[in-house]
Amino acid sequence: MAHSIRETPRGLALNLVLNLRGGLHARPAARLAKAARRYSADIRCITETGEADAKSMLDLLSLAPPAQAQVLLLANGDDAREALLELGAVFADLQE
């Protein structure tokens, strides 16, 4: 799956859709946070319900994005592009 990463004033951005029927819950949030923590870049997860630190499972859960939610990942730092590519792959692979 090709990811379209673009530059914004806040860093690199990647738009995604949450393809989990029940929305984001603990297991996928933990997987996303674990993947994000591998990178030094500051990574933010933004949904219509708010903004969270993508490296924190609890922050991600606090967003409570529903199924099919639009998600914007913003990354800023030396390895921002690599982080977004990996997180895009993790999002695409998330299952219930």
PDB file of N, CA and C in Angstrom:
ATOM      1  N   MET A   1       0.848  -1.180   0.000  1.00  0.00           N
ATOM      2  CA  MET A   1       0.000   0.000   0.000  1.00  0.00           C
ATOM      3  C   MET A   1       0.890   1.239   0.000  1.00  0.00           C
ATOM      4  N   ALA A   2       0.668   2.118  -0.954  1.00  0.00           N
ATOM      5  CA  ALA A   2       1.463   3.334  -1.046  1.00  0.00           C
ATOM      6  C   ALA A   2       0.910   4.380  -0.092  1.00  0.00           C
ATOM      7  N   HIS A   3       1.790   5.056   0.599  1.00  0.00           N
ATOM      8  CA  HIS A   3       1.386   6.091   1.529  1.00  0.00           C
ATOM      9  C   HIS A   3       1.795   7.435   0.956  1.00  0.00           C
ATOM     10  N   SER A   4       0.905   8.401   1.056  1.00  0.00           N
ATOM     11  CA  SER A   4       1.184   9.726   0.537  1.00  0.00           C
ATOM     12  C   SER A   4       1.568  10.649   1.691  1.00  0.00           C
ATOM     13  N   ILE A   5       2.844  10.826   1.848  1.00  0.00           N
ATOM     14  CA  ILE A   5       3.372  11.685   2.904  1.00  0.00           C
ATOM     15  C   ILE A   5       3.591  13.069   2.311  1.00  0.00           C
ATOM     16  N   ARG A   6       3.126  14.085   3.037  1.00  0.00           N
ATOM     17  CA  ARG A   6       3.287  15.456   2.545  1.00  0.00           C
ATOM     18  C   ARG A   6       3.887  16.325   3.645  1.00  0.00           C
ATOM     19  N   GLU A   7       4.486  17.414   3.211  1.00  0.00           N
ATOM     20  CA  GLU A   7       5.075  18.347   4.166  1.00  0.00           C
ATOM     21  C   GLU A   7       4.028  19.363   4.593  1.00  0.00           C
ATOM     22  N   THR A   8       4.048  19.698   5.889  1.00  0.00           N
ATOM     23  CA  THR A   8       3.164  20.718   6.440  1.00  0.00           C
ATOM     24  C   THR A   8       4.023  21.619   7.324  1.00  0.00           C
ATOM     25  N   PRO A   9       3.471  22.741   7.774  1.00  0.00           N
ATOM     26  CA  PRO A   9       4.256  23.603   8.679  1.00  0.00           C
ATOM     27  C   PRO A   9       4.617  22.903   9.993  1.00  0.00           C
ATOM     28  N   ARG A  10       3.867  21.885  10.386  1.00  0.00           N
ATOM     29  CA  ARG A  10       4.139  21.156  11.641  1.00  0.00           C
ATOM     30  C   ARG A  10       5.012  19.920  11.430  1.00  0.00           C
ATOM     31  N   GLY A  11       5.408  19.641  10.218  1.00  0.00           N
ATOM     32  CA  GLY A  11       6.224  18.456   9.936  1.00  0.00           C
ATOM     33  C   GLY A  11       5.605  17.647   8.818  1.00  0.00           C
ATOM     34  N   LEU A  12       6.019  16.392   8.711  1.00  0.00           N
ATOM     35  CA  LEU A  12       5.472  15.517   7.685  1.00  0.00           C
ATOM     36  C   LEU A  12       4.126  14.975   8.150  1.00  0.00           C
ATOM     37  N   ALA A  13       3.231  14.786   7.180  1.00  0.00           N
ATOM     38  CA  ALA A  13       1.878  14.357   7.524  1.00  0.00           C
ATOM     39  C   ALA A  13       1.458  13.168   6.672  1.00  0.00           C
ATOM     40  N   LEU A  14       0.686  12.302   7.298  1.00  0.00           N
ATOM     41  CA  LEU A  14       0.148  11.134   6.600  1.00  0.00           C
ATOM     42  C   LEU A  14      -1.304  10.954   7.023  1.00  0.00           C
ATOM     43  N   ASN A  15      -2.204  10.947   6.058  1.00  0.00           N
ATOM     44  CA  ASN A  15      -3.633  10.724   6.327  1.00  0.00           C
ATOM     45  C   ASN A  15      -3.957   9.243   6.184  1.00  0.00           C
ATOM     46  N   LEU A  16      -4.720   8.746   7.147  1.00  0.00           N
ATOM     47  CA  LEU A  16      -5.091   7.334   7.163  1.00  0.00           C
ATOM     48  C   LEU A  16      -6.550   7.194   7.571  1.00  0.00           C
ATOM     49  N   VAL A  17      -7.082   6.003   7.375  1.00  0.00           N
ATOM     50  CA  VAL A  17      -8.432   5.671   7.842  1.00  0.00           C
ATOM     51  C   VAL A  17      -8.305   4.479   8.784  1.00  0.00           C
ATOM     52  N   LEU A  18      -8.986   4.559   9.913  1.00  0.00           N
ATOM     53  CA  LEU A  18      -8.948   3.478  10.893  1.00  0.00           C
ATOM     54  C   LEU A  18      -9.913   2.384  10.452  1.00  0.00           C
ATOM     55  N   ASN A  19      -9.353   1.256  10.065  1.00  0.00           N
ATOM     56  CA  ASN A  19     -10.171   0.159   9.546  1.00  0.00           C
ATOM     57  C   ASN A  19     -10.444  -0.903  10.596  1.00  0.00           C
ATOM     58  N   LEU A  20     -10.836  -0.491  11.770  1.00  0.00           N
ATOM     59  CA  LEU A  20     -11.219  -1.429  12.824  1.00  0.00           C
ATOM     60  C   LEU A  20     -12.706  -1.240  13.087  1.00  0.00           C
ATOM     61  N   ARG A  21     -13.466  -2.327  13.013  1.00  0.00           N
ATOM     62  CA  ARG A  21     -14.918  -2.237  13.193  1.00  0.00           C
ATOM     63  C   ARG A  21     -15.309  -1.615  14.524  1.00  0.00           C
ATOM     64  N   GLY A  22     -14.562  -1.913  15.562  1.00  0.00           N
ATOM     65  CA  GLY A  22     -14.894  -1.408  16.893  1.00  0.00           C
ATOM     66  C   GLY A  22     -14.151  -0.140  17.266  1.00  0.00           C
ATOM     67  N   GLY A  23     -13.474   0.468  16.337  1.00  0.00           N
ATOM     68  CA  GLY A  23     -12.673   1.640  16.659  1.00  0.00           C
ATOM     69  C   GLY A  23     -11.352   1.226  17.288  1.00  0.00           C
ATOM     70  N   LEU A  24     -10.583   2.188  17.715  1.00  0.00           N
ATOM     71  CA  LEU A  24      -9.259   1.900  18.281  1.00  0.00           C
ATOM     72  C   LEU A  24      -9.419   1.425  19.721  1.00  0.00           C
ATOM     73  N   HIS A  25      -8.913   0.244  20.003  1.00  0.00           N
ATOM     74  CA  HIS A  25      -8.960  -0.297  21.365  1.00  0.00           C
ATOM     75  C   HIS A  25      -7.544  -0.640  21.813  1.00  0.00           C
ATOM     76  N   ALA A  26      -7.417  -1.247  22.972  1.00  0.00           N
ATOM     77  CA  ALA A  26      -6.127  -1.383  23.638  1.00  0.00           C
ATOM     78  C   ALA A  26      -5.052  -2.088  22.819  1.00  0.00           C
ATOM     79  N   ARG A  27      -5.360  -3.235  22.252  1.00  0.00           N
ATOM     80  CA  ARG A  27      -4.312  -3.999  21.558  1.00  0.00           C
ATOM     81  C   ARG A  27      -3.730  -3.226  20.371  1.00  0.00           C
ATOM     82  N   PRO A  28      -4.541  -2.711  19.454  1.00  0.00           N
ATOM     83  CA  PRO A  28      -3.952  -1.947  18.345  1.00  0.00           C
ATOM     84  C   PRO A  28      -3.298  -0.646  18.810  1.00  0.00           C
ATOM     85  N   ALA A  29      -3.840  -0.023  19.844  1.00  0.00           N
ATOM     86  CA  ALA A  29      -3.204   1.202  20.353  1.00  0.00           C
ATOM     87  C   ALA A  29      -1.821   0.890  20.900  1.00  0.00           C
ATOM     88  N   ALA A  30      -1.689  -0.233  21.591  1.00  0.00           N
ATOM     89  CA  ALA A  30      -0.379  -0.638  22.118  1.00  0.00           C
ATOM     90  C   ALA A  30       0.591  -0.920  20.980  1.00  0.00           C
ATOM     91  N   ARG A  31       0.090  -1.555  19.941  1.00  0.00           N
ATOM     92  CA  ARG A  31       0.953  -1.861  18.790  1.00  0.00           C
ATOM     93  C   ARG A  31       1.427  -0.590  18.090  1.00  0.00           C
ATOM     94  N   LEU A  32       0.523   0.367  17.926  1.00  0.00           N
ATOM     95  CA  LEU A  32       0.906   1.638  17.303  1.00  0.00           C
ATOM     96  C   LEU A  32       1.916   2.394  18.164  1.00  0.00           C
ATOM     97  N   ALA A  33       1.667   2.464  19.451  1.00  0.00           N
ATOM     98  CA  ALA A  33       2.573   3.191  20.351  1.00  0.00           C
ATOM     99  C   ALA A  33       3.948   2.537  20.371  1.00  0.00           C
ATOM    100  N   LYS A  34       3.971   1.212  20.403  1.00  0.00           N
ATOM    101  CA  LYS A  34       5.254   0.495  20.403  1.00  0.00           C
ATOM    102  C   LYS A  34       6.037   0.804  19.125  1.00  0.00           C
ATOM    103  N   ALA A  35       5.371   0.807  17.999  1.00  0.00           N
ATOM    104  CA  ALA A  35       6.044   1.124  16.729  1.00  0.00           C
ATOM    105  C   ALA A  35       6.535   2.564  16.735  1.00  0.00           C
ATOM    106  N   ALA A  36       5.734   3.478  17.242  1.00  0.00           N
ATOM    107  CA  ALA A  36       6.116   4.902  17.252  1.00  0.00           C
ATOM    108  C   ALA A  36       7.323   5.156  18.149  1.00  0.00           C
ATOM    109  N   ARG A  37       7.410   4.414  19.255  1.00  0.00           N
ATOM    110  CA  ARG A  37       8.522   4.623  20.199  1.00  0.00           C
ATOM    111  C   ARG A  37       9.875   4.212  19.629  1.00  0.00           C
ATOM    112  N   ARG A  38       9.894   3.510  18.527  1.00  0.00           N
ATOM    113  CA  ARG A  38      11.162   3.120  17.901  1.00  0.00           C
ATOM    114  C   ARG A  38      11.854   4.302  17.217  1.00  0.00           C
ATOM    115  N   TYR A  39      11.168   5.402  17.103  1.00  0.00           N
ATOM    116  CA  TYR A  39      11.691   6.557  16.367  1.00  0.00           C
ATOM    117  C   TYR A  39      11.891   7.747  17.303  1.00  0.00           C
ATOM    118  N   SER A  40      12.878   8.558  16.963  1.00  0.00           N
ATOM    119  CA  SER A  40      13.152   9.743  17.785  1.00  0.00           C
ATOM    120  C   SER A  40      12.231  10.899  17.433  1.00  0.00           C
ATOM    121  N   ALA A  41      11.611  10.854  16.286  1.00  0.00           N
ATOM    122  CA  ALA A  41      10.721  11.945  15.852  1.00  0.00           C
ATOM    123  C   ALA A  41       9.559  12.117  16.821  1.00  0.00           C
ATOM    124  N   ASP A  42       9.115  13.363  16.949  1.00  0.00           N
ATOM    125  CA  ASP A  42       7.881  13.645  17.684  1.00  0.00           C
ATOM    126  C   ASP A  42       6.731  13.241  16.759  1.00  0.00           C
ATOM    127  N   ILE A  43       5.842  12.384  17.223  1.00  0.00           N
ATOM    128  CA  ILE A  43       4.765  11.877  16.376  1.00  0.00           C
ATOM    129  C   ILE A  43       3.437  12.139  17.074  1.00  0.00           C
ATOM    130  N   ARG A  44       2.565  12.861  16.404  1.00  0.00           N
ATOM    131  CA  ARG A  44       1.250  13.199  16.934  1.00  0.00           C
ATOM    132  C   ARG A  44       0.179  12.497  16.115  1.00  0.00           C
ATOM    133  N   CYS A  45      -0.852  12.074  16.783  1.00  0.00           N
ATOM    134  CA  CYS A  45      -1.996  11.430  16.139  1.00  0.00           C
ATOM    135  C   CYS A  45      -3.199  12.356  16.323  1.00  0.00           C
ATOM    136  N   ILE A  46      -3.806  12.770  15.231  1.00  0.00           N
ATOM    137  CA  ILE A  46      -4.908  13.725  15.282  1.00  0.00           C
ATOM    138  C   ILE A  46      -6.147  13.101  14.645  1.00  0.00           C
ATOM    139  N   THR A  47      -7.251  13.174  15.385  1.00  0.00           N
ATOM    140  CA  THR A  47      -8.544  12.724  14.868  1.00  0.00           C
ATOM    141  C   THR A  47      -9.550  13.845  15.130  1.00  0.00           C
ATOM    142  N   GLU A  48     -10.781  13.629  14.758  1.00  0.00           N
ATOM    143  CA  GLU A  48     -11.802  14.652  15.026  1.00  0.00           C
ATOM    144  C   GLU A  48     -12.071  14.802  16.519  1.00  0.00           C
ATOM    145  N   THR A  49     -11.607  13.840  17.317  1.00  0.00           N
ATOM    146  CA  THR A  49     -11.833  13.917  18.760  1.00  0.00           C
ATOM    147  C   THR A  49     -10.677  14.546  19.520  1.00  0.00           C
ATOM    148  N   GLY A  50      -9.573  14.839  18.841  1.00  0.00           N
ATOM    149  CA  GLY A  50      -8.464  15.482  19.531  1.00  0.00           C
ATOM    150  C   GLY A  50      -7.106  15.099  18.966  1.00  0.00           C
ATOM    151  N   GLU A  51      -6.086  15.356  19.773  1.00  0.00           N
ATOM    152  CA  GLU A  51      -4.702  15.127  19.364  1.00  0.00           C
ATOM    153  C   GLU A  51      -3.979  14.411  20.492  1.00  0.00           C
ATOM    154  N   ALA A  52      -3.112  13.455  20.133  1.00  0.00           N
ATOM    155  CA  ALA A  52      -2.422  12.670  21.149  1.00  0.00           C
ATOM    156  C   ALA A  52      -0.992  12.371  20.730  1.00  0.00           C
ATOM    157  N   ASP A  53      -0.185  12.061  21.734  1.00  0.00           N
ATOM    158  CA  ASP A  53       1.180  11.584  21.509  1.00  0.00           C
ATOM    159  C   ASP A  53       1.082  10.146  21.010  1.00  0.00           C
ATOM    160  N   ALA A  54       1.558   9.892  19.799  1.00  0.00           N
ATOM    161  CA  ALA A  54       1.435   8.554  19.222  1.00  0.00           C
ATOM    162  C   ALA A  54       2.306   7.529  19.935  1.00  0.00           C
ATOM    163  N   LYS A  55       3.217   7.966  20.786  1.00  0.00           N
ATOM    164  CA  LYS A  55       4.081   7.027  21.508  1.00  0.00           C
ATOM    165  C   LYS A  55       3.444   6.560  22.813  1.00  0.00           C
ATOM    166  N   SER A  56       2.290   7.098  23.138  1.00  0.00           N
ATOM    167  CA  SER A  56       1.609   6.742  24.382  1.00  0.00           C
ATOM    168  C   SER A  56       0.303   6.004  24.092  1.00  0.00           C
ATOM    169  N   MET A  57       0.243   4.757  24.510  1.00  0.00           N
ATOM    170  CA  MET A  57      -0.975   3.980  24.304  1.00  0.00           C
ATOM    171  C   MET A  57      -2.166   4.650  24.982  1.00  0.00           C
ATOM    172  N   LEU A  58      -1.966   5.168  26.177  1.00  0.00           N
ATOM    173  CA  LEU A  58      -3.077   5.804  26.891  1.00  0.00           C
ATOM    174  C   LEU A  58      -3.551   7.063  26.179  1.00  0.00           C
ATOM    175  N   ASP A  59      -2.615   7.840  25.663  1.00  0.00           N
ATOM    176  CA  ASP A  59      -3.001   9.021  24.889  1.00  0.00           C
ATOM    177  C   ASP A  59      -3.823   8.615  23.662  1.00  0.00           C
ATOM    178  N   LEU A  60      -3.359   7.574  22.972  1.00  0.00           N
ATOM    179  CA  LEU A  60      -4.095   7.115  21.785  1.00  0.00           C
ATOM    180  C   LEU A  60      -5.497   6.654  22.161  1.00  0.00           C
ATOM    181  N   LEU A  61      -5.599   5.914  23.256  1.00  0.00           N
ATOM    182  CA  LEU A  61      -6.920   5.440  23.685  1.00  0.00           C
ATOM    183  C   LEU A  61      -7.838   6.586  24.068  1.00  0.00           C
ATOM    184  N   SER A  62      -7.257   7.667  24.584  1.00  0.00           N
ATOM    185  CA  SER A  62      -8.086   8.804  24.987  1.00  0.00           C
ATOM    186  C   SER A  62      -8.794   9.455  23.798  1.00  0.00           C
ATOM    187  N   LEU A  63      -8.264   9.254  22.609  1.00  0.00           N
ATOM    188  CA  LEU A  63      -8.923   9.800  21.412  1.00  0.00           C
ATOM    189  C   LEU A  63     -10.206   9.046  21.091  1.00  0.00           C
ATOM    190  N   ALA A  64     -10.220   7.756  21.416  1.00  0.00           N
ATOM    191  CA  ALA A  64     -11.379   6.891  21.150  1.00  0.00           C
ATOM    192  C   ALA A  64     -11.919   7.059  19.732  1.00  0.00           C
ATOM    193  N   PRO A  65     -11.053   6.985  18.729  1.00  0.00           N
ATOM    194  CA  PRO A  65     -11.568   7.147  17.362  1.00  0.00           C
ATOM    195  C   PRO A  65     -12.459   5.967  16.982  1.00  0.00           C
ATOM    196  N   PRO A  66     -13.602   6.241  16.382  1.00  0.00           N
ATOM    197  CA  PRO A  66     -14.503   5.165  15.973  1.00  0.00           C
ATOM    198  C   PRO A  66     -14.028   4.499  14.683  1.00  0.00           C
ATOM    199  N   ALA A  67     -14.715   3.449  14.307  1.00  0.00           N
ATOM    200  CA  ALA A  67     -14.429   2.780  13.039  1.00  0.00           C
ATOM    201  C   ALA A  67     -14.515   3.786  11.898  1.00  0.00           C
ATOM    202  N   GLN A  68     -13.626   3.619  10.959  1.00  0.00           N
ATOM    203  CA  GLN A  68     -13.567   4.462   9.757  1.00  0.00           C
ATOM    204  C   GLN A  68     -13.211   5.916  10.057  1.00  0.00           C
ATOM    205  N   ALA A  69     -12.648   6.177  11.210  1.00  0.00           N
ATOM    206  CA  ALA A  69     -12.234   7.543  11.550  1.00  0.00           C
ATOM    207  C   ALA A  69     -11.075   7.978  10.656  1.00  0.00           C
ATOM    208  N   GLN A  70     -11.083   9.227  10.311  1.00  0.00           N
ATOM    209  CA  GLN A  70      -9.962   9.822   9.592  1.00  0.00           C
ATOM    210  C   GLN A  70      -8.882  10.137  10.616  1.00  0.00           C
ATOM    211  N   VAL A  71      -7.663   9.713  10.343  1.00  0.00           N
ATOM    212  CA  VAL A  71      -6.547   9.903  11.263  1.00  0.00           C
ATOM    213  C   VAL A  71      -5.426  10.626  10.523  1.00  0.00           C
ATOM    214  N   LEU A  72      -4.896  11.648  11.165  1.00  0.00           N
ATOM    215  CA  LEU A  72      -3.745  12.356  10.613  1.00  0.00           C
ATOM    216  C   LEU A  72      -2.571  12.104  11.540  1.00  0.00           C
ATOM    217  N   LEU A  73      -1.495  11.570  10.995  1.00  0.00           N
ATOM    218  CA  LEU A  73      -0.261  11.411  11.753  1.00  0.00           C
ATOM    219  C   LEU A  73       0.679  12.527  11.337  1.00  0.00           C
ATOM    220  N   LEU A  74       1.215  13.230  12.331  1.00  0.00           N
ATOM    221  CA  LEU A  74       2.200  14.278  12.079  1.00  0.00           C
ATOM    222  C   LEU A  74       3.500  13.871  12.740  1.00  0.00           C
ATOM    223  N   ALA A  75       4.596  13.963  12.009  1.00  0.00           N
ATOM    224  CA  ALA A  75       5.895  13.596  12.565  1.00  0.00           C
ATOM    225  C   ALA A  75       6.899  14.692  12.249  1.00  0.00           C
ATOM    226  N   ASN A  76       7.720  14.971  13.250  1.00  0.00           N
ATOM    227  CA  ASN A  76       8.733  16.008  13.095  1.00  0.00           C
ATOM    228  C   ASN A  76      10.020  15.514  13.729  1.00  0.00           C
ATOM    229  N   GLY A  77      11.075  15.427  12.929  1.00  0.00           N
ATOM    230  CA  GLY A  77      12.356  14.966  13.439  1.00  0.00           C
ATOM    231  C   GLY A  77      13.153  14.263  12.347  1.00  0.00           C
ATOM    232  N   ASP A  78      14.357  13.832  12.718  1.00  0.00           N
ATOM    233  CA  ASP A  78      15.273  13.241  11.740  1.00  0.00           C
ATOM    234  C   ASP A  78      14.708  12.010  11.041  1.00  0.00           C
ATOM    235  N   ASP A  79      13.977  11.189  11.758  1.00  0.00           N
ATOM    236  CA  ASP A  79      13.463   9.960  11.163  1.00  0.00           C
ATOM    237  C   ASP A  79      11.936  10.003  10.975  1.00  0.00           C
ATOM    238  N   ALA A  80      11.421  11.195  10.753  1.00  0.00           N
ATOM    239  CA  ALA A  80       9.968  11.371  10.622  1.00  0.00           C
ATOM    240  C   ALA A  80       9.395  10.565   9.458  1.00  0.00           C
ATOM    241  N   ARG A  81      10.049  10.596   8.324  1.00  0.00           N
ATOM    242  CA  ARG A  81       9.522   9.881   7.146  1.00  0.00           C
ATOM    243  C   ARG A  81       9.483   8.365   7.401  1.00  0.00           C
ATOM    244  N   GLU A  82      10.557   7.844   7.961  1.00  0.00           N
ATOM    245  CA  GLU A  82      10.603   6.409   8.243  1.00  0.00           C
ATOM    246  C   GLU A  82       9.505   6.026   9.256  1.00  0.00           C
ATOM    247  N   ALA A  83       9.307   6.886  10.246  1.00  0.00           N
ATOM    248  CA  ALA A  83       8.282   6.620  11.253  1.00  0.00           C
ATOM    249  C   ALA A  83       6.900   6.578  10.614  1.00  0.00           C
ATOM    250  N   LEU A  84       6.611   7.528   9.753  1.00  0.00           N
ATOM    251  CA  LEU A  84       5.286   7.552   9.117  1.00  0.00           C
ATOM    252  C   LEU A  84       5.086   6.358   8.194  1.00  0.00           C
ATOM    253  N   LEU A  85       6.137   5.962   7.498  1.00  0.00           N
ATOM    254  CA  LEU A  85       6.014   4.788   6.633  1.00  0.00           C
ATOM    255  C   LEU A  85       5.699   3.545   7.447  1.00  0.00           C
ATOM    256  N   GLU A  86       6.387   3.379   8.574  1.00  0.00           N
ATOM    257  CA  GLU A  86       6.115   2.196   9.397  1.00  0.00           C
ATOM    258  C   GLU A  86       4.726   2.269  10.024  1.00  0.00           C
ATOM    259  N   LEU A  87       4.363   3.422  10.545  1.00  0.00           N
ATOM    260  CA  LEU A  87       3.041   3.534  11.169  1.00  0.00           C
ATOM    261  C   LEU A  87       1.927   3.364  10.142  1.00  0.00           C
ATOM    262  N   GLY A  88       2.145   3.822   8.930  1.00  0.00           N
ATOM    263  CA  GLY A  88       1.165   3.589   7.871  1.00  0.00           C
ATOM    264  C   GLY A  88       0.986   2.097   7.610  1.00  0.00           C
ATOM    265  N   ALA A  89       2.094   1.366   7.617  1.00  0.00           N
ATOM    266  CA  ALA A  89       2.022  -0.083   7.421  1.00  0.00           C
ATOM    267  C   ALA A  89       1.318  -0.750   8.603  1.00  0.00           C
ATOM    268  N   VAL A  90       1.588  -0.289   9.812  1.00  0.00           N
ATOM    269  CA  VAL A  90       0.921  -0.854  10.991  1.00  0.00           C
ATOM    270  C   VAL A  90      -0.577  -0.581  10.910  1.00  0.00           C
ATOM    271  N   PHE A  91      -0.963   0.644  10.558  1.00  0.00           N
ATOM    272  CA  PHE A  91      -2.394   0.971  10.417  1.00  0.00           C
ATOM    273  C   PHE A  91      -3.052   0.039   9.399  1.00  0.00           C
ATOM    274  N   ALA A  92      -2.392  -0.178   8.273  1.00  0.00           N
ATOM    275  CA  ALA A  92      -2.972  -1.017   7.223  1.00  0.00           C
ATOM    276  C   ALA A  92      -3.130  -2.460   7.676  1.00  0.00           C
ATOM    277  N   ASP A  93      -2.305  -2.868   8.629  1.00  0.00           N
ATOM    278  CA  ASP A  93      -2.298  -4.254   9.086  1.00  0.00           C
ATOM    279  C   ASP A  93      -3.161  -4.484  10.332  1.00  0.00           C
ATOM    280  N   LEU A  94      -3.709  -3.417  10.894  1.00  0.00           N
ATOM    281  CA  LEU A  94      -4.492  -3.571  12.123  1.00  0.00           C
ATOM    282  C   LEU A  94      -5.738  -4.407  11.866  1.00  0.00           C
ATOM    283  N   GLN A  95      -6.001  -5.317  12.795  1.00  0.00           N
ATOM    284  CA  GLN A  95      -7.184  -6.155  12.724  1.00  0.00           C
ATOM    285  C   GLN A  95      -7.825  -6.199  14.090  1.00  0.00           C
ATOM    286  N   GLU A  96      -9.074  -6.604  14.133  1.00  0.00           N
ATOM    287  CA  GLU A  96      -9.812  -6.682  15.402  1.00  0.00           C
ATOM    288  C   GLU A  96      -9.109  -7.571  16.394  1.00  0.00           C
TER     289      GLU A  96
END
